Protein backbone atom coordinates (compact mmCIF):
# COMPACT_ATOMS: atom_id res chain seq x y z
CA MET A 1 -106.50 -6.10 156.95
CA GLN A 2 -105.36 -9.50 155.97
CA ARG A 3 -101.74 -9.76 154.99
CA TRP A 4 -100.21 -12.06 152.49
CA GLN A 5 -98.32 -14.76 154.25
CA LYS A 6 -94.82 -15.47 152.86
CA LYS A 7 -94.34 -19.04 152.07
CA LYS A 8 -90.98 -20.43 152.97
CA SER A 9 -89.36 -22.25 150.09
CA GLN A 10 -86.07 -24.07 149.62
CA PHE A 11 -83.78 -22.67 146.87
CA PRO A 12 -82.54 -25.56 144.80
CA VAL A 13 -78.92 -26.34 145.57
CA ILE A 14 -78.08 -26.87 141.88
CA ALA A 15 -79.27 -23.35 140.99
CA LEU A 16 -77.07 -21.88 143.72
CA ILE A 17 -74.05 -23.77 142.40
CA PHE A 18 -74.80 -22.53 138.86
CA LEU A 19 -74.94 -18.87 139.96
CA VAL A 20 -71.65 -19.18 141.82
CA PHE A 21 -70.04 -20.66 138.72
CA VAL A 22 -71.32 -17.83 136.47
CA ALA A 23 -70.15 -15.16 138.90
CA PHE A 24 -66.71 -16.73 139.15
CA SER A 25 -66.40 -16.88 135.33
CA ILE A 26 -67.31 -13.21 134.95
CA LEU A 27 -64.81 -12.13 137.60
CA TYR A 28 -62.09 -14.31 136.05
CA ASN A 29 -62.49 -12.82 132.58
CA GLU A 30 -62.75 -9.29 133.97
CA CYS A 31 -59.46 -9.72 135.81
CA ASN A 32 -57.78 -11.00 132.66
CA PHE A 33 -59.07 -8.04 130.64
CA ARG A 34 -57.83 -5.55 133.24
CA GLN A 35 -54.41 -7.21 133.36
CA VAL A 36 -54.03 -6.98 129.56
CA TYR A 37 -55.03 -3.31 129.57
CA GLN A 38 -52.82 -2.45 132.55
CA ASP A 39 -49.79 -4.17 131.00
CA GLN A 40 -50.35 -2.20 127.82
CA SER A 41 -50.81 1.03 129.79
CA HIS A 42 -47.30 0.71 131.20
CA SER A 43 -45.69 0.59 127.74
CA ASP A 44 -43.94 3.50 126.03
CA SER A 45 -45.89 6.74 125.51
CA GLU A 46 -45.51 6.35 121.75
CA ASP A 47 -47.98 3.43 121.93
CA ARG A 48 -51.00 5.47 123.04
CA ASP A 49 -52.87 5.10 119.78
CA GLN A 50 -52.26 1.37 119.71
CA ARG A 51 -53.47 1.06 123.34
CA SER A 52 -56.82 2.61 122.50
CA VAL A 53 -57.23 0.17 119.62
CA VAL A 54 -56.52 -2.81 121.87
CA LYS A 55 -59.06 -1.61 124.43
CA ASP A 56 -61.77 -1.16 121.80
CA VAL A 57 -61.13 -4.56 120.22
CA SER A 58 -61.17 -6.27 123.64
CA PHE A 59 -64.52 -4.70 124.48
CA PHE A 60 -66.35 -5.59 121.26
CA ASN A 61 -64.67 -8.85 120.35
CA SER A 62 -66.19 -12.04 121.72
CA THR A 63 -62.74 -13.63 121.79
CA PRO A 64 -61.41 -13.88 125.37
CA ALA A 65 -59.08 -11.00 126.17
CA GLN A 66 -56.15 -13.27 126.97
CA ASN A 67 -56.07 -14.47 123.32
CA ILE A 68 -55.65 -10.98 121.79
CA THR A 69 -52.26 -10.37 120.17
CA LEU A 70 -50.88 -7.10 121.46
CA PRO A 71 -49.20 -4.77 118.92
CA LYS A 72 -45.45 -4.83 118.69
CA LYS A 73 -43.84 -2.18 120.85
CA GLN A 74 -43.04 0.93 118.82
CA PRO A 75 -39.58 2.53 118.94
CA VAL A 76 -39.04 5.56 121.13
CA GLY A 77 -40.25 8.65 119.29
CA LEU A 78 -37.74 11.15 117.95
CA ASP A 79 -37.64 14.72 119.17
CA LYS A 80 -35.27 17.70 119.11
CA PHE A 81 -33.13 16.12 121.84
CA SER A 82 -32.56 12.87 119.92
CA THR A 83 -28.97 12.19 118.86
CA CYS A 84 -27.16 9.27 117.28
CA ARG A 85 -24.86 7.37 119.61
CA SER A 86 -22.97 5.96 116.65
CA THR A 87 -23.03 6.54 112.89
CA VAL A 88 -21.91 4.34 110.01
CA THR A 89 -22.17 4.70 106.24
CA TYR A 90 -25.54 3.76 104.75
CA SER A 91 -25.74 -0.02 104.31
CA GLY A 92 -28.11 -0.06 101.33
CA ARG A 93 -31.07 -1.34 103.35
CA ARG A 94 -34.54 -0.47 102.08
CA ALA A 95 -37.84 -0.40 103.91
CA ALA A 96 -40.00 -3.45 103.16
CA TRP A 97 -42.95 -1.63 101.65
CA GLY A 98 -43.89 -4.48 99.35
CA VAL A 99 -44.98 -4.08 95.75
CA HIS A 100 -45.98 -0.54 94.85
CA LYS A 101 -49.45 -0.48 93.38
CA THR A 102 -50.04 1.51 90.22
CA GLU A 103 -53.25 2.73 88.71
CA PRO A 104 -54.32 0.58 85.73
CA SER A 105 -53.87 3.53 83.41
CA GLY A 106 -50.38 4.17 84.73
CA ARG A 107 -50.98 7.82 83.94
CA ARG A 108 -50.02 10.54 86.37
CA GLU A 109 -52.52 13.35 86.59
CA GLU A 110 -51.51 16.97 86.25
CA ALA A 111 -53.87 19.71 87.40
CA GLN A 112 -54.44 21.42 84.07
CA ALA A 113 -57.27 21.96 81.63
CA GLU A 114 -57.65 19.86 78.51
CA ALA A 115 -55.33 21.02 75.67
CA CYS A 116 -53.86 23.78 77.83
CA ASP A 117 -50.60 23.64 79.75
CA LEU A 118 -51.29 25.91 82.71
CA PHE A 119 -47.66 25.70 83.82
CA SER A 120 -46.13 27.07 80.61
CA GLY A 121 -46.49 30.79 80.09
CA LYS A 122 -45.20 34.18 81.19
CA TRP A 123 -45.71 36.81 83.89
CA VAL A 124 -47.74 39.86 82.90
CA PHE A 125 -47.77 43.10 84.91
CA ASP A 126 -51.36 43.73 86.03
CA ASN A 127 -51.98 46.45 88.61
CA THR A 128 -55.71 46.41 87.91
CA SER A 129 -56.63 42.87 88.98
CA TYR A 130 -53.76 42.24 91.39
CA PRO A 131 -52.99 41.85 94.19
CA LEU A 132 -55.96 39.70 95.19
CA TYR A 133 -55.75 41.01 98.80
CA ASN A 134 -53.78 43.58 100.77
CA GLU A 135 -50.98 42.51 103.08
CA SER A 136 -52.22 44.70 105.94
CA ASP A 137 -55.80 43.40 105.67
CA CYS A 138 -54.94 39.73 106.23
CA PRO A 139 -55.08 38.89 109.97
CA TYR A 140 -53.08 35.70 109.41
CA MET A 141 -50.11 37.29 107.65
CA SER A 142 -46.70 36.00 108.76
CA ASP A 143 -43.89 38.37 109.71
CA GLN A 144 -41.61 36.15 107.65
CA LEU A 145 -43.59 37.01 104.50
CA ALA A 146 -44.91 40.54 105.18
CA CYS A 147 -42.30 42.36 103.10
CA HIS A 148 -44.02 45.76 102.93
CA LYS A 149 -44.51 45.83 106.71
CA HIS A 150 -40.81 45.20 107.19
CA GLY A 151 -39.53 47.96 104.95
CA ARG A 152 -39.85 46.96 101.31
CA HIS A 153 -40.99 50.11 99.52
CA ASP A 154 -41.25 48.86 95.95
CA SER A 155 -44.60 47.11 95.49
CA GLY A 156 -44.23 45.85 91.94
CA TYR A 157 -43.78 42.24 93.10
CA GLN A 158 -47.49 42.20 94.06
CA PHE A 159 -48.85 43.03 90.59
CA TRP A 160 -47.68 40.17 88.41
CA ARG A 161 -50.27 37.82 86.91
CA TRP A 162 -49.41 34.39 85.53
CA GLN A 163 -50.55 34.06 81.91
CA PRO A 164 -50.46 30.53 80.43
CA HIS A 165 -49.91 30.19 76.71
CA ASN A 166 -53.12 29.82 74.68
CA CYS A 167 -55.53 29.94 77.64
CA ASN A 168 -56.43 31.93 80.74
CA LEU A 169 -56.61 31.15 84.43
CA LYS A 170 -60.11 31.25 85.80
CA ARG A 171 -60.64 34.40 87.88
CA TRP A 172 -60.33 33.77 91.60
CA ASN A 173 -63.69 33.63 93.38
CA ALA A 174 -63.46 33.11 97.14
CA THR A 175 -67.16 32.31 97.61
CA GLU A 176 -67.06 29.69 94.87
CA ILE A 177 -64.00 28.10 96.47
CA TRP A 178 -65.69 27.95 99.88
CA GLU A 179 -68.69 26.22 98.33
CA LYS A 180 -66.34 23.57 96.99
CA LEU A 181 -64.79 23.23 100.45
CA ARG A 182 -68.11 23.03 102.30
CA GLY A 183 -68.05 20.23 104.85
CA LYS A 184 -64.43 19.34 104.02
CA ARG A 185 -60.96 19.33 105.59
CA LEU A 186 -58.16 20.70 103.42
CA MET A 187 -54.64 20.17 104.74
CA PHE A 188 -51.22 21.36 103.61
CA VAL A 189 -48.40 19.04 104.70
CA GLY A 190 -44.75 19.99 104.48
CA ASP A 191 -42.22 22.67 105.39
CA SER A 192 -42.17 26.48 105.61
CA LEU A 193 -42.77 26.85 101.86
CA ASN A 194 -45.99 24.88 102.16
CA ARG A 195 -46.84 26.93 105.25
CA GLY A 196 -46.40 30.08 103.15
CA GLN A 197 -48.84 28.69 100.58
CA TRP A 198 -51.27 27.87 103.41
CA ILE A 199 -51.06 31.45 104.72
CA SER A 200 -51.59 32.71 101.17
CA LEU A 201 -54.78 30.64 100.92
CA LEU A 202 -56.06 31.97 104.24
CA CYS A 203 -55.48 35.53 103.02
CA LEU A 204 -57.24 34.75 99.73
CA LEU A 205 -60.30 33.27 101.43
CA GLU A 206 -60.83 34.75 104.89
CA SER A 207 -62.39 38.06 103.79
CA VAL A 208 -65.73 36.45 102.86
CA ILE A 209 -66.05 34.71 106.24
CA PRO A 210 -67.72 36.81 108.98
CA ALA A 211 -65.31 37.55 111.83
CA ASP A 212 -67.46 35.67 114.35
CA LYS A 213 -67.54 32.60 112.10
CA GLN A 214 -63.78 32.17 111.69
CA SER A 215 -61.15 31.02 114.15
CA ILE A 216 -57.65 29.59 114.16
CA THR A 217 -56.27 27.04 116.58
CA PRO A 218 -52.48 26.75 116.66
CA ASN A 219 -51.27 23.40 117.92
CA SER A 220 -47.54 23.36 117.25
CA GLU A 221 -47.31 20.77 114.48
CA LEU A 222 -50.94 21.15 113.34
CA THR A 223 -52.64 24.54 112.92
CA ILE A 224 -56.33 24.68 111.98
CA PHE A 225 -58.37 27.52 110.48
CA ARG A 226 -62.12 27.00 110.80
CA ALA A 227 -64.93 28.56 108.77
CA GLU A 228 -68.02 27.71 110.79
CA ASN A 229 -70.58 28.83 108.22
CA TYR A 230 -69.12 26.34 105.72
CA ASN A 231 -68.26 23.65 108.28
CA ALA A 232 -64.81 23.59 106.66
CA THR A 233 -61.19 23.74 107.80
CA ILE A 234 -57.93 24.76 106.11
CA GLU A 235 -55.04 23.22 108.01
CA PHE A 236 -51.26 23.09 108.02
CA LEU A 237 -49.24 20.13 109.32
CA TRP A 238 -45.54 20.64 109.88
CA ALA A 239 -43.75 17.58 108.42
CA PRO A 240 -40.65 18.83 106.56
CA LEU A 241 -39.26 15.36 105.87
CA LEU A 242 -42.65 13.58 105.46
CA ALA A 243 -41.45 10.60 107.50
CA GLU A 244 -40.84 10.81 111.26
CA SER A 245 -37.76 12.82 112.22
CA ASN A 246 -36.17 14.78 115.04
CA SER A 247 -37.15 17.96 113.14
CA ASP A 248 -40.88 17.54 113.68
CA ASP A 249 -41.19 20.34 116.22
CA ALA A 250 -42.81 23.20 114.30
CA VAL A 251 -40.93 25.92 116.21
CA ASP A 252 -37.69 24.61 117.70
CA HIS A 253 -36.28 22.56 114.83
CA ARG A 254 -32.95 24.09 113.93
CA LEU A 255 -30.81 21.00 114.25
CA ASP A 256 -27.40 20.29 112.77
CA GLU A 257 -27.93 16.53 113.05
CA ARG A 258 -31.15 15.57 111.28
CA ILE A 259 -32.35 12.06 112.02
CA LEU A 260 -34.98 10.30 109.93
CA ARG A 261 -36.96 7.09 110.46
CA PRO A 262 -37.23 5.87 106.84
CA ASP A 263 -39.67 3.09 107.79
CA SER A 264 -42.04 5.19 109.92
CA ILE A 265 -44.66 7.60 108.64
CA PHE A 266 -47.42 6.96 111.19
CA ARG A 267 -46.71 10.04 113.33
CA HIS A 268 -47.79 12.30 110.46
CA SER A 269 -50.16 10.06 108.51
CA SER A 270 -52.32 9.55 111.61
CA ARG A 271 -53.07 13.28 111.40
CA TRP A 272 -53.42 13.75 107.67
CA GLU A 273 -55.34 10.55 106.84
CA HIS A 274 -58.75 12.05 107.75
CA ALA A 275 -58.42 15.11 105.49
CA ASP A 276 -60.47 15.27 102.28
CA ILE A 277 -57.92 17.30 100.31
CA LEU A 278 -54.16 16.98 100.84
CA ILE A 279 -51.41 19.21 99.43
CA PHE A 280 -47.87 17.91 99.99
CA ASN A 281 -44.41 19.32 99.42
CA SER A 282 -40.90 18.24 100.40
CA TYR A 283 -37.64 19.59 98.96
CA LEU A 284 -35.95 22.31 100.94
CA TRP A 285 -34.88 20.35 104.00
CA TRP A 286 -33.23 17.66 101.91
CA ARG A 287 -30.79 20.18 100.44
CA GLN A 288 -29.04 20.89 103.73
CA GLY A 289 -26.45 18.10 103.53
CA PRO A 290 -26.50 14.44 104.66
CA VAL A 291 -29.20 12.98 106.90
CA LYS A 292 -29.01 10.11 109.36
CA LEU A 293 -31.25 7.06 109.22
CA LEU A 294 -32.57 5.30 112.30
CA TRP A 295 -34.46 2.11 111.58
CA GLY A 296 -37.37 1.12 113.79
CA ASP A 297 -35.73 -2.14 114.87
CA GLN A 298 -32.37 -0.52 115.59
CA GLU A 299 -31.45 -0.22 119.25
CA ASN A 300 -29.09 2.16 121.05
CA MET A 301 -29.65 4.97 118.51
CA ALA A 302 -27.23 3.45 116.02
CA CYS A 303 -27.62 5.46 112.79
CA GLU A 304 -26.59 5.27 109.16
CA GLU A 305 -25.64 8.35 107.15
CA ILE A 306 -26.91 9.01 103.63
CA ASP A 307 -26.87 12.00 101.27
CA GLY A 308 -29.92 14.24 101.16
CA LEU A 309 -31.19 12.95 97.81
CA GLY A 310 -31.01 9.33 98.98
CA GLY A 311 -32.78 10.18 102.22
CA MET A 312 -35.52 12.03 100.36
CA GLU A 313 -36.10 9.07 98.04
CA MET A 314 -36.60 6.78 101.03
CA ALA A 315 -39.06 9.19 102.64
CA MET A 316 -40.89 9.59 99.33
CA ASP A 317 -41.13 5.81 99.03
CA ALA A 318 -42.74 5.64 102.47
CA TRP A 319 -45.16 8.42 101.55
CA ALA A 320 -45.96 6.84 98.16
CA ASP A 321 -46.70 3.50 99.80
CA TRP A 322 -49.20 5.22 102.11
CA VAL A 323 -50.86 6.98 99.17
CA SER A 324 -50.98 3.76 97.15
CA SER A 325 -52.69 1.79 99.90
CA HIS A 326 -54.96 4.48 101.38
CA ILE A 327 -56.13 6.83 98.64
CA ASP A 328 -59.23 6.38 96.53
CA PRO A 329 -59.28 9.29 94.02
CA LEU A 330 -63.08 9.21 94.07
CA GLU A 331 -63.08 10.02 97.80
CA LYS A 332 -59.93 12.10 98.41
CA LYS A 333 -57.89 14.57 96.40
CA VAL A 334 -54.10 14.50 96.74
CA PHE A 335 -51.81 17.14 95.23
CA PHE A 336 -48.03 17.33 95.18
CA MET A 337 -46.26 20.68 94.69
CA THR A 338 -43.05 20.51 92.67
CA MET A 339 -39.86 22.24 93.78
CA SER A 340 -39.91 25.90 94.74
CA PRO A 341 -36.65 27.35 93.33
CA THR A 342 -34.18 29.54 95.20
CA HIS A 343 -32.34 32.55 93.75
CA PHE A 344 -29.00 32.65 95.53
CA ALA A 345 -26.80 33.05 92.45
CA LYS A 346 -27.27 36.27 90.49
CA GLU A 347 -24.79 34.89 88.00
CA ASP A 348 -27.56 32.54 86.79
CA TRP A 349 -29.58 35.39 85.26
CA GLU A 350 -26.82 37.96 84.92
CA PRO A 351 -23.59 36.16 83.92
CA GLY A 352 -20.40 37.58 85.38
CA SER A 353 -22.14 39.33 88.28
CA GLU A 354 -22.06 38.63 92.00
CA GLY A 355 -24.83 38.62 94.58
CA ASN A 356 -28.27 37.05 94.81
CA CYS A 357 -31.94 38.06 94.75
CA TYR A 358 -31.37 41.18 96.87
CA ASP A 359 -32.68 44.38 95.25
CA GLU A 360 -34.23 42.53 92.29
CA LYS A 361 -37.42 44.27 91.15
CA GLU A 362 -38.51 42.50 87.97
CA PRO A 363 -39.02 38.88 86.83
CA ILE A 364 -36.83 37.05 84.36
CA TYR A 365 -38.37 37.34 80.90
CA ASP A 366 -36.38 34.63 79.11
CA GLU A 367 -38.72 31.63 79.03
CA ARG A 368 -35.76 29.29 78.51
CA TYR A 369 -34.23 30.30 81.83
CA TRP A 370 -33.33 27.58 84.30
CA GLY A 371 -31.19 28.39 87.32
CA THR A 372 -29.10 26.43 89.76
CA GLY A 373 -31.80 26.90 92.40
CA SER A 374 -33.78 23.97 90.97
CA ASP A 375 -32.11 20.58 91.31
CA LEU A 376 -32.80 18.31 88.33
CA PRO A 377 -31.71 14.98 89.93
CA THR A 378 -34.13 15.62 92.80
CA MET A 379 -36.96 16.46 90.43
CA GLU A 380 -36.28 13.36 88.34
CA MET A 381 -36.39 11.17 91.44
CA VAL A 382 -39.69 12.71 92.54
CA ASP A 383 -41.14 12.28 89.06
CA LYS A 384 -40.20 8.60 89.14
CA VAL A 385 -41.92 8.08 92.49
CA LEU A 386 -45.04 10.00 91.48
CA SER A 387 -45.34 8.21 88.13
CA ARG A 388 -46.14 4.90 89.81
CA LEU A 389 -49.07 6.43 91.69
CA GLY A 390 -51.05 7.11 88.53
CA SER A 391 -54.16 9.23 89.00
CA LYS A 392 -54.02 9.04 92.80
CA VAL A 393 -51.90 12.23 92.83
CA SER A 394 -52.26 15.43 90.81
CA VAL A 395 -49.04 17.39 90.32
CA ILE A 396 -48.93 21.19 90.55
CA ASN A 397 -45.85 22.14 88.57
CA ILE A 398 -44.75 25.45 90.07
CA THR A 399 -41.02 25.17 89.38
CA GLN A 400 -40.55 26.81 85.98
CA LEU A 401 -42.98 29.67 86.56
CA SER A 402 -41.42 30.39 89.97
CA GLU A 403 -37.93 30.31 88.44
CA TYR A 404 -38.72 33.59 86.66
CA ARG A 405 -39.59 35.42 89.89
CA LYS A 406 -36.21 36.45 91.27
CA ASP A 407 -37.96 39.63 92.48
CA GLY A 408 -40.49 37.85 94.69
CA HIS A 409 -38.39 36.91 97.75
CA PRO A 410 -38.36 38.74 101.11
CA THR A 411 -34.57 39.31 100.99
CA ILE A 412 -33.95 41.57 104.04
CA TYR A 413 -37.58 42.68 104.39
CA ARG A 414 -38.80 40.26 107.01
CA LYS A 415 -38.64 39.76 110.76
CA PHE A 416 -35.34 38.40 112.03
CA TRP A 417 -35.45 36.52 115.30
CA GLU A 418 -31.96 37.59 116.37
CA PRO A 419 -30.36 41.06 116.21
CA LEU A 420 -28.22 41.62 113.14
CA SER A 421 -24.61 42.63 113.61
CA PRO A 422 -23.39 45.91 112.07
CA GLU A 423 -21.27 43.89 109.66
CA ARG A 424 -24.30 42.03 108.32
CA VAL A 425 -26.42 45.15 108.09
CA ALA A 426 -23.66 46.70 105.98
CA ASN A 427 -23.86 43.77 103.53
CA PRO A 428 -27.58 43.07 102.94
CA ALA A 429 -27.02 40.42 100.28
CA ALA A 430 -25.23 38.31 102.90
CA TYR A 431 -28.43 37.74 104.90
CA SER A 432 -31.07 37.97 102.18
CA ASP A 433 -33.84 35.38 102.22
CA CYS A 434 -33.95 34.07 98.65
CA ILE A 435 -35.98 30.98 99.60
CA HIS A 436 -39.38 32.13 100.83
CA TRP A 437 -41.81 34.45 99.03
CA CYS A 438 -43.38 37.81 99.84
CA LEU A 439 -47.16 37.96 100.22
CA PRO A 440 -49.14 38.96 98.27
CA GLY A 441 -47.04 37.31 95.60
CA VAL A 442 -45.97 34.07 93.96
CA PRO A 443 -47.73 31.59 96.33
CA ASP A 444 -51.07 33.22 95.47
CA VAL A 445 -50.58 31.99 91.91
CA TRP A 446 -49.73 28.52 93.21
CA ASN A 447 -53.15 28.49 94.88
CA GLU A 448 -54.84 29.78 91.72
CA LEU A 449 -53.32 26.85 89.84
CA LEU A 450 -54.34 24.45 92.60
CA PHE A 451 -58.01 25.35 92.20
CA GLN A 452 -58.26 25.54 88.41
CA ASN A 453 -59.67 22.02 88.13
CA PHE A 454 -60.60 21.56 91.76
């Protein structure tokens, strides 16, 4: 068989030089890219999100890697071990958030039907329609809120229905709610009171989800309940001060020295920004005395001290700036829950008496009642911040209606994480929980109000 004969040819010298030049250029740019990425990889662990952004931009951008401006190094993240090395009085500094944008209408939305104030009314005893679920049937019930399980024998607190003046609340329908949540992420953001409302919502909705189609994934700060047949999640994000703080651990957060970064909200907003429906609260943790401020550009953990109300206003400003610049009401729903009152002073509803909410079995019937457990200056500050957000935020006004429910708290009927001394056991009012709420109970009504115009 005849074979093809290879013909010897001379490769042009100029082509060889050109190939060498191209190969050298590719290797040069690749080395520069790797150096930029490696330098960034050695930065603080708080910069992980920024590192991934730099890598993606470098890959897709035609600009040479060496010309990319790296993000400014972020301050070291706060945790439960963070402490101030020095503390001075607050200097008056404010975060540079720029001009706060306001909706053209300037009108703040409240979640209520036309010509009906859902938040003004009275509690009506109704042992036919309520409770909407049984404590023992809810697999997600918290030992902090399961009052019957922990010894409360009177069950009247479960049978009260909120009745607005001149209108009625729409009857709760779990299947209808799930249809509205189909394909969506709903997230509660806040402290243990918001967590209680989240647990209430799980108990109100889980019974219509088949057991093999529901799951819950605890992840310390963020806990996610999934309903697979609706492709929906109901989540809770622990963020008691809204802005970054050393109290952001969802379990181990009992700190005497609470440190806040008033100019940093990214730790939490990076988690909540992808939710379709957001429900915020923030009050309780600001009423525990002064807080310490640590600015992002401050070195050596040098802090400033400010009263709780001032600290809360700064955190609310940071939160409001995020809402103003990120929320389109046509795409996302944002709700803010007003203050949940405490009932530590029995003298408020029974002048001349001592004690607190312990052993209370009925609501307050006087619709003019307003106790010391709701702080007006705080509420006025929050109202001022919310008013500039216009229709971007709907307000769920739970304060007045919850004020009447002195009977709805766990008091001593909850799990205590440390053994109680004989002296405390002998004086139950001394360790009564008059902050949180038994379930089923008051937070169920908060959720009913939330979904009236959802």
